[in-house]
Amino acid sequence: MKKYDLYLTGEVGGWGITADFVKYILDKKKDQPVDVAICSLGGYVNTGLQIYELFRNHGQVTCYFLGMSASAATFMAMGAKKVVMSKNALILIHNAMGHVFEWGNMNKERLDELVKRLEFQRSQLSTIDDVLAEIYAEKSGKSIDEVKEKMKVAAWIKASDAKDFGLVDEIADAEQIPTNVRNIYTNSLIKDMGLPALPRGFNPETGEENPTAGVLQKVVEMLKGLMPEPTTDTQNEMKITVFAALAAILAAKDGFEADEKGNVTLTQDQLKKIDDELTKQNDACKQASDLIKTQKTKIEKLENEKKDLEEQVKNLKGSAGSKGEEKVDDAENSLSAASELFNSIKDAL
């Protein structure tokens, strides 16, 4: 099985593939050939363009399309010196898309404003399409109009057609990717991404992902480039803490199996468990934060009430007669009760 220097899988941008991580790996391989495996449905245009430029600037990059790749994952690969596609892989190029969120009752003035905003958004998407079409045209040798027509159709392209169109330079034999890192693409997932359905008869098992050393290793590698090199003791403490936490989440009593380089690969099921646990912890933190806000609001209200009662006691103490003394006693009792409630809530935080 071929070894790659970099695997780009998952979403382009956001919490997925980042330009910083790609740059970190390319900088480590300065003036050396770099083989990059790509299996992604795309993502953010800005990240894709950044990676495109990084590949061009490095100059010795070969990109390999494995499984299914679309959108930003395809045009970023055009910056490579050579593009290879597995014979069982698929790629897709299409016009840029943007989110549109509008809901509610509108009069004609509001509708006019909406039309203006949408027309501006359309012009911006058209500008992006022009840039992407130039990138594909430069790689393929086709005209801008031919490329734009291909983008407009937005259909999955098999390896032989991609090579004929000039988007890839070479077709390679399909690789057998380890089953413990499979990520099967389904029509449901692809629909959620706003992409067309899979071609009829296509075997989704060719759309597999194969991250190098799992999400943990990717994050660690990126952070190492941003922070001072820690001491050996600090590194060991960090590894022990992180792996102990992961072992607890995944109920891995015997720890994790590492390869000869000490890297650990997590399965998709394990990654989902980690994501679910993080979501659970985030929800718990949000609930705690909401509770604290509620209690603080109560404290502010009680503080104001306490000040009012203190002022009443001060004024009533100057009153003459038994009725004035009774009012003072009542006010002091109210103040004592308010202070007790105030302290109980404050101590609970």
Protein backbone atom coordinates (compact mmCIF):
# COMPACT_ATOMS: atom_id res chain seq x y z
CA MET A 1 0.00 0.00 0.00
CA LYS A 2 1.32 3.44 -0.96
CA LYS A 3 2.47 5.72 1.85
CA TYR A 4 1.48 9.39 1.71
CA ASP A 5 3.07 12.38 3.42
CA LEU A 6 -0.30 14.01 4.03
CA TYR A 7 -3.92 12.83 4.12
CA LEU A 8 -6.58 15.52 3.59
CA THR A 9 -9.95 14.08 4.60
CA GLY A 10 -13.19 15.48 5.95
CA GLU A 11 -14.36 19.08 5.54
CA VAL A 12 -12.09 21.69 3.97
CA GLY A 13 -11.88 24.48 6.56
CA GLY A 14 -13.59 24.81 9.93
CA TRP A 15 -12.62 21.96 12.26
CA GLY A 16 -11.49 19.80 9.33
CA ILE A 17 -8.64 20.43 6.87
CA THR A 18 -6.81 23.65 7.70
CA ALA A 19 -4.30 25.65 5.66
CA ASP A 20 -2.10 26.05 8.77
CA PHE A 21 -1.73 22.29 9.13
CA VAL A 22 -0.96 21.84 5.41
CA LYS A 23 1.66 24.61 5.60
CA TYR A 24 3.21 22.99 8.68
CA ILE A 25 3.67 19.68 6.85
CA LEU A 26 4.93 21.32 3.64
CA ASP A 27 7.45 23.41 5.59
CA LYS A 28 8.81 20.22 7.13
CA LYS A 29 9.27 18.86 3.59
CA LYS A 30 10.83 21.97 2.11
CA ASP A 31 12.54 21.30 -1.25
CA GLN A 32 11.31 17.68 -1.10
CA PRO A 33 8.59 15.83 -3.05
CA VAL A 34 5.29 15.57 -1.14
CA ASP A 35 2.54 13.03 -1.87
CA VAL A 36 -0.93 14.13 -0.74
CA ALA A 37 -4.00 11.86 -0.56
CA ILE A 38 -7.35 13.66 -0.88
CA CYS A 39 -10.76 12.26 0.04
CA SER A 40 -13.15 15.10 0.88
CA LEU A 41 -16.55 16.47 -0.13
CA GLY A 42 -15.15 20.01 0.06
CA GLY A 43 -15.99 22.94 2.28
CA TYR A 44 -14.87 26.58 2.50
CA VAL A 45 -13.64 28.35 -0.64
CA ASN A 46 -11.11 30.53 1.22
CA THR A 47 -9.36 27.51 2.79
CA GLY A 48 -9.33 25.69 -0.54
CA LEU A 49 -7.72 28.69 -2.26
CA GLN A 50 -5.11 28.96 0.51
CA ILE A 51 -4.13 25.31 0.12
CA TYR A 52 -4.09 25.70 -3.68
CA GLU A 53 -1.48 28.46 -3.32
CA LEU A 54 0.51 26.43 -0.77
CA PHE A 55 0.76 23.53 -3.23
CA ARG A 56 1.81 25.86 -6.05
CA ASN A 57 4.43 27.58 -3.93
CA HIS A 58 5.93 24.30 -2.72
CA GLY A 59 6.25 23.14 -6.32
CA GLN A 60 6.86 19.43 -5.73
CA VAL A 61 3.39 18.26 -4.71
CA THR A 62 1.54 15.28 -6.19
CA CYS A 63 -2.14 14.98 -5.24
CA TYR A 64 -3.95 11.64 -5.30
CA PHE A 65 -7.76 11.54 -5.43
CA LEU A 66 -9.09 8.56 -3.44
CA GLY A 67 -12.77 7.76 -2.95
CA MET A 68 -14.98 10.79 -3.53
CA SER A 69 -13.84 14.41 -3.66
CA ALA A 70 -15.80 17.52 -4.57
CA SER A 71 -15.87 21.29 -4.53
CA ALA A 72 -12.96 22.90 -2.63
CA ALA A 73 -11.20 19.54 -2.37
CA THR A 74 -10.85 19.47 -6.17
CA PHE A 75 -9.72 23.00 -6.99
CA MET A 76 -7.14 23.03 -4.17
CA ALA A 77 -5.54 19.97 -5.81
CA MET A 78 -5.12 21.91 -9.07
CA GLY A 79 -2.19 23.70 -7.44
CA ALA A 80 -0.18 20.47 -7.38
CA LYS A 81 2.50 19.77 -9.96
CA LYS A 82 0.81 16.44 -10.73
CA VAL A 83 -2.68 15.09 -10.05
CA VAL A 84 -3.36 11.35 -9.93
CA MET A 85 -6.80 9.76 -9.56
CA SER A 86 -7.70 6.25 -8.46
CA LYS A 87 -9.61 4.45 -11.21
CA ASN A 88 -12.51 3.83 -8.80
CA ALA A 89 -12.61 7.39 -7.46
CA LEU A 90 -15.01 10.21 -8.33
CA ILE A 91 -14.62 13.98 -8.37
CA LEU A 92 -17.11 16.83 -8.79
CA ILE A 93 -16.68 20.48 -9.75
CA HIS A 94 -19.54 22.95 -9.43
CA ASN A 95 -20.51 26.60 -9.13
CA ALA A 96 -20.00 28.27 -5.76
CA MET A 97 -22.87 28.17 -3.28
CA GLY A 98 -23.84 30.45 -0.40
CA HIS A 99 -26.30 30.20 2.47
CA VAL A 100 -29.64 32.00 2.13
CA PHE A 101 -31.66 32.48 5.33
CA GLU A 102 -34.90 34.39 4.92
CA TRP A 103 -38.23 33.75 6.65
CA GLY A 104 -41.20 35.89 7.57
CA ASN A 105 -43.92 38.16 6.26
CA MET A 106 -42.67 41.00 4.07
CA ASN A 107 -44.20 44.04 2.48
CA LYS A 108 -43.08 45.26 -0.94
CA GLU A 109 -40.31 47.44 0.53
CA ARG A 110 -38.85 44.54 2.49
CA LEU A 111 -39.08 42.35 -0.62
CA ASP A 112 -37.21 44.98 -2.64
CA GLU A 113 -34.44 45.00 -0.02
CA LEU A 114 -34.27 41.21 -0.10
CA VAL A 115 -34.02 41.19 -3.90
CA LYS A 116 -31.15 43.68 -3.75
CA ARG A 117 -29.27 41.59 -1.17
CA LEU A 118 -29.78 38.41 -3.19
CA GLU A 119 -28.67 40.10 -6.40
CA PHE A 120 -25.50 41.27 -4.66
CA GLN A 121 -24.90 37.77 -3.27
CA ARG A 122 -25.41 36.35 -6.76
CA SER A 123 -22.83 38.75 -8.21
CA GLN A 124 -20.33 37.71 -5.53
CA LEU A 125 -20.89 34.02 -6.28
CA SER A 126 -20.40 34.76 -9.98
CA THR A 127 -17.04 36.40 -9.19
CA ILE A 128 -15.97 33.33 -7.23
CA ASP A 129 -17.05 31.10 -10.13
CA ASP A 130 -14.84 33.15 -12.47
CA VAL A 131 -11.79 32.59 -10.24
CA LEU A 132 -12.44 28.85 -9.85
CA ALA A 133 -13.06 28.42 -13.59
CA GLU A 134 -9.68 30.02 -14.31
CA ILE A 135 -8.00 27.57 -11.94
CA TYR A 136 -9.61 24.53 -13.59
CA ALA A 137 -8.96 25.97 -17.08
CA GLU A 138 -5.27 26.55 -16.36
CA LYS A 139 -4.89 22.95 -15.24
CA SER A 140 -6.99 21.31 -17.96
CA GLY A 141 -6.07 23.47 -20.93
CA LYS A 142 -9.78 23.91 -21.67
CA SER A 143 -11.45 27.25 -22.29
CA ILE A 144 -13.14 29.19 -19.51
CA ASP A 145 -16.52 28.59 -21.15
CA GLU A 146 -15.95 24.81 -21.34
CA VAL A 147 -15.01 24.70 -17.68
CA LYS A 148 -17.99 26.84 -16.64
CA GLU A 149 -20.33 24.50 -18.48
CA LYS A 150 -18.82 21.57 -16.58
CA MET A 151 -19.24 23.44 -13.30
CA LYS A 152 -22.84 24.32 -14.19
CA VAL A 153 -23.73 20.66 -14.82
CA ALA A 154 -22.27 19.68 -11.40
CA ALA A 155 -22.14 15.92 -12.00
CA TRP A 156 -19.80 13.28 -10.60
CA ILE A 157 -16.87 12.61 -12.93
CA LYS A 158 -15.15 9.22 -13.15
CA ALA A 159 -11.40 8.90 -13.55
CA SER A 160 -11.28 8.32 -17.32
CA ASP A 161 -13.51 11.34 -18.02
CA ALA A 162 -11.51 13.50 -15.60
CA LYS A 163 -8.31 12.59 -17.43
CA ASP A 164 -9.87 13.25 -20.85
CA PHE A 165 -10.98 16.68 -19.64
CA GLY A 166 -7.49 17.39 -18.29
CA LEU A 167 -8.31 17.71 -14.59
CA VAL A 168 -6.00 14.80 -13.71
CA ASP A 169 -2.71 13.72 -15.24
CA GLU A 170 -2.73 10.03 -14.47
CA ILE A 171 -5.06 7.18 -13.43
CA ALA A 172 -3.83 4.76 -10.77
CA ASP A 173 -5.04 1.33 -9.72
CA ALA A 174 -7.54 1.41 -6.88
CA GLU A 175 -6.01 1.01 -3.43
CA GLN A 176 -7.31 -1.16 -0.63
CA ILE A 177 -7.79 1.13 2.34
CA PRO A 178 -7.81 -0.35 5.90
CA THR A 179 -11.30 -1.15 7.12
CA ASN A 180 -10.72 0.40 10.56
CA VAL A 181 -10.72 3.90 9.07
CA ARG A 182 -13.58 3.57 6.60
CA ASN A 183 -15.92 6.47 6.15
CA ILE A 184 -18.71 5.33 3.84
CA TYR A 185 -20.37 8.17 1.94
CA THR A 186 -24.14 7.81 1.58
CA ASN A 187 -26.65 9.69 -0.55
CA SER A 188 -28.09 11.16 2.66
CA LEU A 189 -24.74 12.68 3.68
CA ILE A 190 -24.05 13.95 0.16
CA LYS A 191 -27.51 15.56 -0.01
CA ASP A 192 -26.80 17.37 3.28
CA MET A 193 -23.67 18.82 1.65
CA GLY A 194 -25.78 20.24 -1.20
CA LEU A 195 -24.15 17.92 -3.77
CA PRO A 196 -25.85 15.71 -6.39
CA ALA A 197 -26.60 12.08 -5.60
CA LEU A 198 -24.17 9.24 -6.26
CA PRO A 199 -24.16 7.77 -9.78
CA ARG A 200 -26.33 4.68 -10.05
CA GLY A 201 -24.37 1.51 -9.45
CA PHE A 202 -21.45 3.27 -7.74
CA ASN A 203 -19.95 1.34 -4.83
CA PRO A 204 -19.65 3.78 -1.90
CA GLU A 205 -16.84 1.68 -0.38
CA THR A 206 -14.45 3.42 -2.77
CA GLY A 207 -15.19 6.66 -0.95
CA GLU A 208 -13.12 5.84 2.09
CA GLU A 209 -11.07 8.11 4.30
CA ASN A 210 -7.67 7.27 5.75
CA PRO A 211 -6.36 9.88 8.18
CA THR A 212 -2.66 9.50 8.97
CA ALA A 213 -2.70 9.18 12.72
CA GLY A 214 -6.21 10.18 13.62
CA VAL A 215 -7.63 13.51 14.70
CA LEU A 216 -5.54 13.67 17.89
CA GLN A 217 -2.23 13.44 16.03
CA LYS A 218 -3.37 16.06 13.51
CA VAL A 219 -4.21 18.53 16.28
CA VAL A 220 -0.95 17.85 18.14
CA GLU A 221 1.12 18.34 14.98
CA MET A 222 -0.55 21.67 14.23
CA LEU A 223 -0.19 22.98 17.80
CA LYS A 224 3.49 22.05 17.89
CA GLY A 225 4.11 24.60 15.16
CA LEU A 226 2.40 27.34 17.19
CA MET A 227 3.90 26.74 20.66
CA PRO A 228 7.45 26.56 22.06
CA GLU A 229 8.89 23.07 22.16
CA PRO A 230 7.90 21.59 25.54
CA THR A 231 10.29 19.67 27.74
CA THR A 232 10.34 15.87 27.71
CA ASP A 233 8.61 15.73 31.10
CA THR A 234 5.85 18.09 29.93
CA GLN A 235 5.37 16.07 26.74
CA ASN A 236 5.03 12.84 28.68
CA GLU A 237 2.58 14.40 31.15
CA MET A 238 0.49 15.77 28.28
CA LYS A 239 0.41 12.41 26.49
CA ILE A 240 -0.54 10.55 29.66
CA THR A 241 -3.36 13.03 30.42
CA VAL A 242 -4.75 13.03 26.88
CA PHE A 243 -4.61 9.28 26.40
CA ALA A 244 -6.08 8.64 29.85
CA ALA A 245 -9.03 10.88 29.00
CA LEU A 246 -9.52 9.19 25.61
CA ALA A 247 -9.26 5.75 27.16
CA ALA A 248 -11.95 6.67 29.68
CA ILE A 249 -14.30 7.99 26.97
CA LEU A 250 -13.79 4.99 24.69
CA ALA A 251 -13.66 2.43 27.54
CA ALA A 252 -10.32 1.24 26.16
CA LYS A 253 -9.12 -0.77 29.15
CA ASP A 254 -5.99 -1.99 27.39
CA GLY A 255 -5.05 1.42 25.95
CA PHE A 256 -4.46 1.99 22.25
CA GLU A 257 -2.49 0.08 19.65
CA ALA A 258 0.22 2.21 18.01
CA ASP A 259 2.15 1.69 14.76
CA GLU A 260 5.93 1.50 14.48
CA LYS A 261 6.17 5.31 14.67
CA GLY A 262 4.08 5.49 17.81
CA ASN A 263 1.04 6.94 16.04
CA VAL A 264 -2.46 5.88 16.98
CA THR A 265 -5.32 5.62 14.48
CA LEU A 266 -8.89 5.99 15.73
CA THR A 267 -11.87 4.42 14.01
CA GLN A 268 -14.87 6.42 12.84
CA ASP A 269 -16.94 4.92 15.68
CA GLN A 270 -14.34 6.05 18.21
CA LEU A 271 -14.23 9.54 16.71
CA LYS A 272 -18.03 9.71 16.97
CA LYS A 273 -17.87 8.69 20.66
CA ILE A 274 -15.36 11.46 21.32
CA ASP A 275 -17.51 13.98 19.47
CA ASP A 276 -20.61 12.86 21.39
CA GLU A 277 -18.77 13.22 24.71
CA LEU A 278 -17.55 16.71 23.79
CA THR A 279 -21.09 17.69 22.83
CA LYS A 280 -22.36 16.31 26.14
CA GLN A 281 -19.74 18.26 28.10
CA ASN A 282 -20.51 21.44 26.15
CA ASP A 283 -24.22 21.05 26.93
CA ALA A 284 -23.43 20.58 30.62
CA CYS A 285 -21.24 23.70 30.62
CA LYS A 286 -23.99 25.69 28.93
CA GLN A 287 -26.54 24.56 31.53
CA ALA A 288 -24.16 25.52 34.33
CA SER A 289 -23.53 28.89 32.70
CA ASP A 290 -27.29 29.55 32.36
CA LEU A 291 -27.79 28.63 36.03
CA ILE A 292 -25.05 31.02 37.13
CA LYS A 293 -26.59 33.84 35.08
CA THR A 294 -30.00 33.18 36.69
CA GLN A 295 -28.49 33.18 40.19
CA LYS A 296 -26.56 36.37 39.51
CA THR A 297 -29.78 38.05 38.39
CA LYS A 298 -31.42 36.96 41.65
CA ILE A 299 -28.47 38.29 43.64
CA GLU A 300 -28.68 41.69 41.92
CA LYS A 301 -32.41 41.85 42.66
CA LEU A 302 -31.90 40.87 46.31
CA GLU A 303 -29.08 43.37 46.70
CA ASN A 304 -31.42 46.15 45.56
CA GLU A 305 -34.17 44.91 47.90
CA LYS A 306 -31.67 44.74 50.77
CA LYS A 307 -30.56 48.32 50.15
CA ASP A 308 -34.19 49.47 50.14
CA LEU A 309 -34.87 47.69 53.46
CA GLU A 310 -31.72 49.14 55.03
CA GLU A 311 -32.89 52.58 53.99
CA GLN A 312 -36.37 51.90 55.48
CA VAL A 313 -34.83 50.78 58.80
CA LYS A 314 -32.67 53.88 58.91
CA ASN A 315 -35.67 56.16 58.31
CA LEU A 316 -37.99 54.30 60.73
CA LYS A 317 -35.46 54.45 63.57
CA GLY A 318 -35.99 58.15 63.53
CA SER A 319 -39.74 57.73 63.97
CA ALA A 320 -41.28 58.39 67.41
CA GLY A 321 -43.73 56.27 69.39
CA SER A 322 -44.54 52.59 69.78
CA LYS A 323 -45.93 52.31 66.27
CA GLY A 324 -42.61 53.54 64.90
CA GLU A 325 -40.75 50.91 66.98
CA GLU A 326 -43.05 48.17 65.66
CA LYS A 327 -42.34 49.27 62.11
CA VAL A 328 -38.63 49.21 62.85
CA ASP A 329 -38.91 45.65 64.23
CA ASP A 330 -40.86 44.52 61.15
CA ALA A 331 -38.38 46.15 58.79
CA GLU A 332 -35.39 44.65 60.64
CA ASN A 333 -36.99 41.19 60.47
CA SER A 334 -37.56 41.62 56.73
CA LEU A 335 -33.96 42.81 56.34
CA SER A 336 -32.66 39.79 58.30
CA ALA A 337 -34.68 37.38 56.12
CA ALA A 338 -33.54 39.10 52.93
CA SER A 339 -29.90 38.98 54.07
CA GLU A 340 -30.17 35.28 54.87
CA LEU A 341 -31.69 34.51 51.46
CA PHE A 342 -29.09 36.70 49.74
CA ASN A 343 -26.20 34.89 51.46
CA SER A 344 -27.62 31.42 50.73
CA ILE A 345 -27.88 32.16 47.01
CA LYS A 346 -24.47 33.86 46.89
CA ASP A 347 -22.79 30.93 48.67
CA ALA A 348 -24.34 28.48 46.20
CA LEU A 349 -22.32 29.95 43.31
